[in-house]
PDB file of N, CA and C in Angstrom:
ATOM      1  N   MET A   1      -8.478   1.612  -5.831  1.00  0.00           N
ATOM      2  CA  MET A   1      -7.478   1.163  -4.600  1.00  0.00           C
ATOM      3  C   MET A   1      -7.710   2.172  -3.201  1.00  0.00           C
ATOM      4  N   ARG A   2      -7.515   3.658  -3.017  1.00  0.00           N
ATOM      5  CA  ARG A   2      -7.564   4.437  -1.795  1.00  0.00           C
ATOM      6  C   ARG A   2      -8.658   4.270  -1.003  1.00  0.00           C
ATOM      7  N   ALA A   3      -9.746   4.311  -1.957  1.00  0.00           N
ATOM      8  CA  ALA A   3     -11.296   4.544  -1.427  1.00  0.00           C
ATOM      9  C   ALA A   3     -11.865   3.507  -0.719  1.00  0.00           C
ATOM     10  N   ALA A   4     -11.076   2.033  -1.425  1.00  0.00           N
ATOM     11  CA  ALA A   4     -11.015   0.732  -0.366  1.00  0.00           C
ATOM     12  C   ALA A   4     -10.796   0.709   1.302  1.00  0.00           C
ATOM     13  N   LEU A   5      -9.097   1.181   0.231  1.00  0.00           N
ATOM     14  CA  LEU A   5      -8.420   1.253   1.794  1.00  0.00           C
ATOM     15  C   LEU A   5      -8.563   2.052   2.925  1.00  0.00           C
ATOM     16  N   ALA A   6      -9.244   2.951   2.656  1.00  0.00           N
ATOM     17  CA  ALA A   6      -9.273   4.174   3.915  1.00  0.00           C
ATOM     18  C   ALA A   6      -9.829   3.350   4.946  1.00  0.00           C
ATOM     19  N   PRO A   7     -11.393   2.403   4.808  1.00  0.00           N
ATOM     20  CA  PRO A   7     -12.091   2.168   5.713  1.00  0.00           C
ATOM     21  C   PRO A   7     -11.163   1.149   6.552  1.00  0.00           C
ATOM     22  N   LEU A   8     -10.437   0.678   6.189  1.00  0.00           N
ATOM     23  CA  LEU A   8      -9.712  -0.292   6.840  1.00  0.00           C
ATOM     24  C   LEU A   8      -8.332   0.353   7.747  1.00  0.00           C
ATOM     25  N   ALA A   9      -7.958   1.643   7.122  1.00  0.00           N
ATOM     26  CA  ALA A   9      -6.519   2.001   7.670  1.00  0.00           C
ATOM     27  C   ALA A   9      -7.649   2.697   8.974  1.00  0.00           C
ATOM     28  N   ALA A  10      -8.508   3.214   8.881  1.00  0.00           N
ATOM     29  CA  ALA A  10      -9.151   3.859   9.803  1.00  0.00           C
ATOM     30  C   ALA A  10      -9.060   2.940  10.724  1.00  0.00           C
ATOM     31  N   HIS A  11     -10.603   2.103  10.575  1.00  0.00           N
ATOM     32  CA  HIS A  11     -10.520   0.761  11.489  1.00  0.00           C
ATOM     33  C   HIS A  11      -9.186   0.464  12.731  1.00  0.00           C
ATOM     34  N   ALA A  12      -8.025   0.729  11.782  1.00  0.00           N
ATOM     35  CA  ALA A  12      -6.887  -0.107  12.447  1.00  0.00           C
ATOM     36  C   ALA A  12      -5.997   0.580  13.145  1.00  0.00           C
ATOM     37  N   GLY A  13      -6.391   1.919  12.685  1.00  0.00           N
ATOM     38  CA  GLY A  13      -5.605   3.514  13.399  1.00  0.00           C
ATOM     39  C   GLY A  13      -4.606   3.372  12.466  1.00  0.00           C
ATOM     40  N   ALA A  14      -4.212   2.953  11.148  1.00  0.00           N
ATOM     41  CA  ALA A  14      -2.692   2.936  10.394  1.00  0.00           C
ATOM     42  C   ALA A  14      -3.154   4.310   9.423  1.00  0.00           C
ATOM     43  N   ALA A  15      -1.863   4.834   9.339  1.00  0.00           N
ATOM     44  CA  ALA A  15      -1.763   6.151   8.261  1.00  0.00           C
ATOM     45  C   ALA A  15      -1.255   5.442   7.054  1.00  0.00           C
ATOM     46  N   ILE A  16      -1.645   6.156   5.837  1.00  0.00           N
ATOM     47  CA  ILE A  16      -1.579   6.042   4.876  1.00  0.00           C
ATOM     48  C   ILE A  16      -1.075   7.186   4.221  1.00  0.00           C
ATOM     49  N   VAL A  17       0.326   6.810   3.536  1.00  0.00           N
ATOM     50  CA  VAL A  17       1.267   7.813   2.732  1.00  0.00           C
ATOM     51  C   VAL A  17       1.206   7.645   1.868  1.00  0.00           C
ATOM     52  N   GLU A  18       0.598   8.588   0.520  1.00  0.00           N
ATOM     53  CA  GLU A  18       0.983   8.476  -0.228  1.00  0.00           C
ATOM     54  C   GLU A  18       1.939   8.810  -1.146  1.00  0.00           C
ATOM     55  N   ILE A  19       2.419   8.431  -2.212  1.00  0.00           N
ATOM     56  CA  ILE A  19       3.980   8.609  -2.837  1.00  0.00           C
ATOM     57  C   ILE A  19       3.401   8.508  -4.388  1.00  0.00           C
ATOM     58  N   ASP A  20       3.846   9.592  -5.045  1.00  0.00           N
ATOM     59  CA  ASP A  20       3.382   9.296  -6.526  1.00  0.00           C
ATOM     60  C   ASP A  20       4.624   9.276  -7.222  1.00  0.00           C
ATOM     61  N   ILE A  21       4.475   7.601  -7.754  1.00  0.00           N
ATOM     62  CA  ILE A  21       5.730   6.853  -8.076  1.00  0.00           C
ATOM     63  C   ILE A  21       6.503   7.469  -9.865  1.00  0.00           C
ATOM     64  N   ASP A  22       5.592   8.077 -10.240  1.00  0.00           N
ATOM     65  CA  ASP A  22       5.937   9.220 -11.414  1.00  0.00           C
ATOM     66  C   ASP A  22       6.952  10.470 -11.061  1.00  0.00           C
ATOM     67  N   ASP A  23       6.710  10.712  -9.811  1.00  0.00           N
ATOM     68  CA  ASP A  23       8.193  11.821  -9.226  1.00  0.00           C
ATOM     69  C   ASP A  23       9.245  10.938  -8.896  1.00  0.00           C
ATOM     70  N   HIS A  24       9.306   9.763  -8.903  1.00  0.00           N
ATOM     71  CA  HIS A  24      10.654   9.068  -8.415  1.00  0.00           C
ATOM     72  C   HIS A  24      11.258   8.459  -8.924  1.00  0.00           C
ATOM     73  N   PRO A  25      12.391   8.467 -10.086  1.00  0.00           N
ATOM     74  CA  PRO A  25      12.599   7.401 -11.361  1.00  0.00           C
ATOM     75  C   PRO A  25      12.654   6.066 -10.677  1.00  0.00           C
ATOM     76  N   VAL A  26      13.574   5.702  -9.551  1.00  0.00           N
ATOM     77  CA  VAL A  26      13.506   4.603  -8.864  1.00  0.00           C
ATOM     78  C   VAL A  26      12.979   3.936  -8.865  1.00  0.00           C
ATOM     79  N   LEU A  27      11.750   4.266  -8.435  1.00  0.00           N
ATOM     80  CA  LEU A  27      10.635   3.763  -7.651  1.00  0.00           C
ATOM     81  C   LEU A  27       9.429   3.181  -8.983  1.00  0.00           C
ATOM     82  N   GLU A  28       9.649   4.151 -10.119  1.00  0.00           N
ATOM     83  CA  GLU A  28       9.097   4.241 -11.154  1.00  0.00           C
ATOM     84  C   GLU A  28       9.674   3.013 -12.230  1.00  0.00           C
ATOM     85  N   ALA A  29      11.038   2.934 -11.976  1.00  0.00           N
ATOM     86  CA  ALA A  29      11.688   1.343 -12.633  1.00  0.00           C
ATOM     87  C   ALA A  29      11.493   0.203 -11.601  1.00  0.00           C
ATOM     88  N   GLN A  30      10.979   0.379 -10.312  1.00  0.00           N
ATOM     89  CA  GLN A  30      11.017  -0.652  -9.679  1.00  0.00           C
ATOM     90  C   GLN A  30       9.827  -0.999  -9.952  1.00  0.00           C
ATOM     91  N   PHE A  31       8.376  -0.414  -9.662  1.00  0.00           N
ATOM     92  CA  PHE A  31       7.079  -0.533 -10.052  1.00  0.00           C
ATOM     93  C   PHE A  31       6.478  -0.853 -11.265  1.00  0.00           C
ATOM     94  N   GLY A  32       7.544  -0.222 -12.001  1.00  0.00           N
ATOM     95  CA  GLY A  32       6.736   0.074 -13.592  1.00  0.00           C
ATOM     96  C   GLY A  32       5.874  -0.057 -13.463  1.00  0.00           C
ATOM     97  N   ASP A  33       4.621  -0.946 -14.246  1.00  0.00           N
ATOM     98  CA  ASP A  33       3.336  -0.776 -15.350  1.00  0.00           C
ATOM     99  C   ASP A  33       2.667  -1.231 -13.483  1.00  0.00           C
ATOM    100  N   ARG A  34       2.820  -1.665 -12.233  1.00  0.00           N
ATOM    101  CA  ARG A  34       2.280  -2.079 -11.143  1.00  0.00           C
ATOM    102  C   ARG A  34       1.720  -1.088  -9.983  1.00  0.00           C
ATOM    103  N   VAL A  35       1.083  -0.274 -11.019  1.00  0.00           N
ATOM    104  CA  VAL A  35       0.764   1.217  -9.798  1.00  0.00           C
ATOM    105  C   VAL A  35      -1.079   0.791 -10.046  1.00  0.00           C
ATOM    106  N   PRO A  36      -1.752   1.177  -9.228  1.00  0.00           N
ATOM    107  CA  PRO A  36      -0.969   1.633  -7.547  1.00  0.00           C
ATOM    108  C   PRO A  36      -0.235   0.171  -7.173  1.00  0.00           C
ATOM    109  N   VAL A  37       0.504   0.181  -6.038  1.00  0.00           N
ATOM    110  CA  VAL A  37       0.753  -0.337  -5.448  1.00  0.00           C
ATOM    111  C   VAL A  37       0.522  -0.345  -4.302  1.00  0.00           C
ATOM    112  N   LEU A  38       0.509  -1.668  -3.194  1.00  0.00           N
ATOM    113  CA  LEU A  38       0.406  -1.114  -1.400  1.00  0.00           C
ATOM    114  C   LEU A  38       1.379  -2.135  -0.935  1.00  0.00           C
ATOM    115  N   MET A  39       2.286  -1.016  -0.282  1.00  0.00           N
ATOM    116  CA  MET A  39       3.074  -1.568   0.515  1.00  0.00           C
ATOM    117  C   MET A  39       3.268  -1.227   2.080  1.00  0.00           C
ATOM    118  N   GLN A  40       3.346  -1.987   2.846  1.00  0.00           N
ATOM    119  CA  GLN A  40       3.640  -2.135   4.440  1.00  0.00           C
ATOM    120  C   GLN A  40       4.650  -1.730   4.863  1.00  0.00           C
ATOM    121  N   GLY A  41       5.025  -0.805   5.240  1.00  0.00           N
ATOM    122  CA  GLY A  41       6.104   0.159   5.804  1.00  0.00           C
ATOM    123  C   GLY A  41       6.558   0.813   5.249  1.00  0.00           C
ATOM    124  N   GLY A  42       6.193   1.354   4.135  1.00  0.00           N
ATOM    125  CA  GLY A  42       7.106   2.722   3.285  1.00  0.00           C
ATOM    126  C   GLY A  42       7.298   1.828   1.742  1.00  0.00           C
ATOM    127  N   VAL A  43       8.042   2.441   1.529  1.00  0.00           N
ATOM    128  CA  VAL A  43       8.972   2.137   0.008  1.00  0.00           C
ATOM    129  C   VAL A  43       9.566   0.746   0.210  1.00  0.00           C
ATOM    130  N   GLY A  44      10.320   0.818   1.337  1.00  0.00           N
ATOM    131  CA  GLY A  44      11.373  -0.112   1.258  1.00  0.00           C
ATOM    132  C   GLY A  44      10.380  -1.558   2.050  1.00  0.00           C
ATOM    133  N   GLY A  45       9.610  -1.577   2.485  1.00  0.00           N
ATOM    134  CA  GLY A  45       8.651  -2.676   3.373  1.00  0.00           C
ATOM    135  C   GLY A  45       8.019  -3.312   2.385  1.00  0.00           C
ATOM    136  N   ARG A  46       7.208  -4.263   3.063  1.00  0.00           N
ATOM    137  CA  ARG A  46       6.626  -5.342   2.341  1.00  0.00           C
ATOM    138  C   ARG A  46       5.457  -5.047   1.172  1.00  0.00           C
ATOM    139  N   GLU A  47       5.580  -5.426  -0.109  1.00  0.00           N
ATOM    140  CA  GLU A  47       4.631  -5.091  -0.895  1.00  0.00           C
ATOM    141  C   GLU A  47       3.260  -6.141  -0.596  1.00  0.00           C
ATOM    142  N   LEU A  48       1.655  -5.739  -0.350  1.00  0.00           N
ATOM    143  CA  LEU A  48       1.032  -6.312   0.341  1.00  0.00           C
ATOM    144  C   LEU A  48      -0.176  -6.464  -1.231  1.00  0.00           C
ATOM    145  N   CYS A  49      -0.207  -5.906  -2.217  1.00  0.00           N
ATOM    146  CA  CYS A  49      -0.992  -5.830  -3.478  1.00  0.00           C
ATOM    147  C   CYS A  49      -0.920  -4.672  -4.792  1.00  0.00           C
ATOM    148  N   HIS A  50      -0.950  -4.810  -5.802  1.00  0.00           N
ATOM    149  CA  HIS A  50      -0.961  -3.835  -6.776  1.00  0.00           C
ATOM    150  C   HIS A  50      -2.161  -4.152  -7.556  1.00  0.00           C
ATOM    151  N   PHE A  51      -2.805  -3.158  -7.795  1.00  0.00           N
ATOM    152  CA  PHE A  51      -4.217  -2.553  -9.320  1.00  0.00           C
ATOM    153  C   PHE A  51      -4.912  -2.775  -8.111  1.00  0.00           C
ATOM    154  N   THR A  52      -5.438  -3.617  -7.709  1.00  0.00           N
ATOM    155  CA  THR A  52      -6.107  -3.953  -6.596  1.00  0.00           C
ATOM    156  C   THR A  52      -6.456  -4.001  -5.289  1.00  0.00           C
ATOM    157  N   LEU A  53      -7.286  -3.945  -4.706  1.00  0.00           N
ATOM    158  CA  LEU A  53      -7.305  -4.443  -2.907  1.00  0.00           C
ATOM    159  C   LEU A  53      -6.987  -5.683  -2.422  1.00  0.00           C
ATOM    160  N   ASP A  54      -6.643  -5.939  -2.093  1.00  0.00           N
ATOM    161  CA  ASP A  54      -6.698  -7.185  -1.427  1.00  0.00           C
ATOM    162  C   ASP A  54      -6.858  -7.031   0.006  1.00  0.00           C
ATOM    163  N   ALA A  55      -8.326  -6.971  -0.077  1.00  0.00           N
ATOM    164  CA  ALA A  55      -8.748  -6.848   1.514  1.00  0.00           C
ATOM    165  C   ALA A  55      -8.169  -7.352   2.609  1.00  0.00           C
ATOM    166  N   GLN A  56      -8.440  -8.857   2.062  1.00  0.00           N
ATOM    167  CA  GLN A  56      -7.915 -10.084   3.349  1.00  0.00           C
ATOM    168  C   GLN A  56      -6.384  -9.779   3.764  1.00  0.00           C
ATOM    169  N   ARG A  57      -5.761  -9.568   2.889  1.00  0.00           N
ATOM    170  CA  ARG A  57      -4.531  -9.744   3.016  1.00  0.00           C
ATOM    171  C   ARG A  57      -3.513  -8.561   3.628  1.00  0.00           C
ATOM    172  N   VAL A  58      -4.567  -7.381   3.390  1.00  0.00           N
ATOM    173  CA  VAL A  58      -4.042  -6.222   4.401  1.00  0.00           C
ATOM    174  C   VAL A  58      -4.940  -6.107   5.805  1.00  0.00           C
ATOM    175  N   ARG A  59      -6.074  -6.883   6.185  1.00  0.00           N
ATOM    176  CA  ARG A  59      -6.608  -7.447   7.351  1.00  0.00           C
ATOM    177  C   ARG A  59      -5.697  -8.217   8.262  1.00  0.00           C
ATOM    178  N   GLU A  60      -4.833  -8.985   7.447  1.00  0.00           N
ATOM    179  CA  GLU A  60      -4.345  -9.835   8.152  1.00  0.00           C
ATOM    180  C   GLU A  60      -2.559  -9.047   8.360  1.00  0.00           C
ATOM    181  N   ALA A  61      -2.530  -8.116   7.368  1.00  0.00           N
ATOM    182  CA  ALA A  61      -1.146  -7.626   7.730  1.00  0.00           C
ATOM    183  C   ALA A  61      -1.317  -6.307   8.634  1.00  0.00           C
ATOM    184  N   LEU A  62      -2.530  -5.807   8.649  1.00  0.00           N
ATOM    185  CA  LEU A  62      -2.890  -4.765  10.070  1.00  0.00           C
ATOM    186  C   LEU A  62      -3.053  -5.007  11.465  1.00  0.00           C
ATOM    187  N   VAL A  63      -3.499  -6.358  11.449  1.00  0.00           N
ATOM    188  CA  VAL A  63      -3.584  -7.219  12.697  1.00  0.00           C
ATOM    189  C   VAL A  63      -2.337  -7.747  13.518  1.00  0.00           C
ATOM    190  N   LEU A  64      -0.987  -8.072  12.191  1.00  0.00           N
ATOM    191  CA  LEU A  64       0.533  -8.385  12.883  1.00  0.00           C
ATOM    192  C   LEU A  64       1.028  -7.519  13.231  1.00  0.00           C
ATOM    193  N   THR A  65       0.431  -6.071  13.024  1.00  0.00           N
ATOM    194  CA  THR A  65       1.475  -4.575  13.313  1.00  0.00           C
ATOM    195  C   THR A  65       0.794  -4.503  14.491  1.00  0.00           C
ATOM    196  N   ARG A  66      -0.298  -4.792  15.309  1.00  0.00           N
ATOM    197  CA  ARG A  66      -0.612  -4.509  16.806  1.00  0.00           C
ATOM    198  C   ARG A  66      -0.131  -5.018  17.679  1.00  0.00           C
TER     199      ARG A  66
END
């Protein structure tokens, strides 16, 4: 997911912040097996996708934040 997300984020000027869910028991309990997970707006934000990148949904989310 990281490799597929990088060009979309770069094009939109968006930052990517990676969090290792295994280091955070609360997040591990919340997301379980749905990793990797992509959140817009950080941990408390909106889940955009998990397992694989939903490029269309990410593009739409990036447009809405401009």
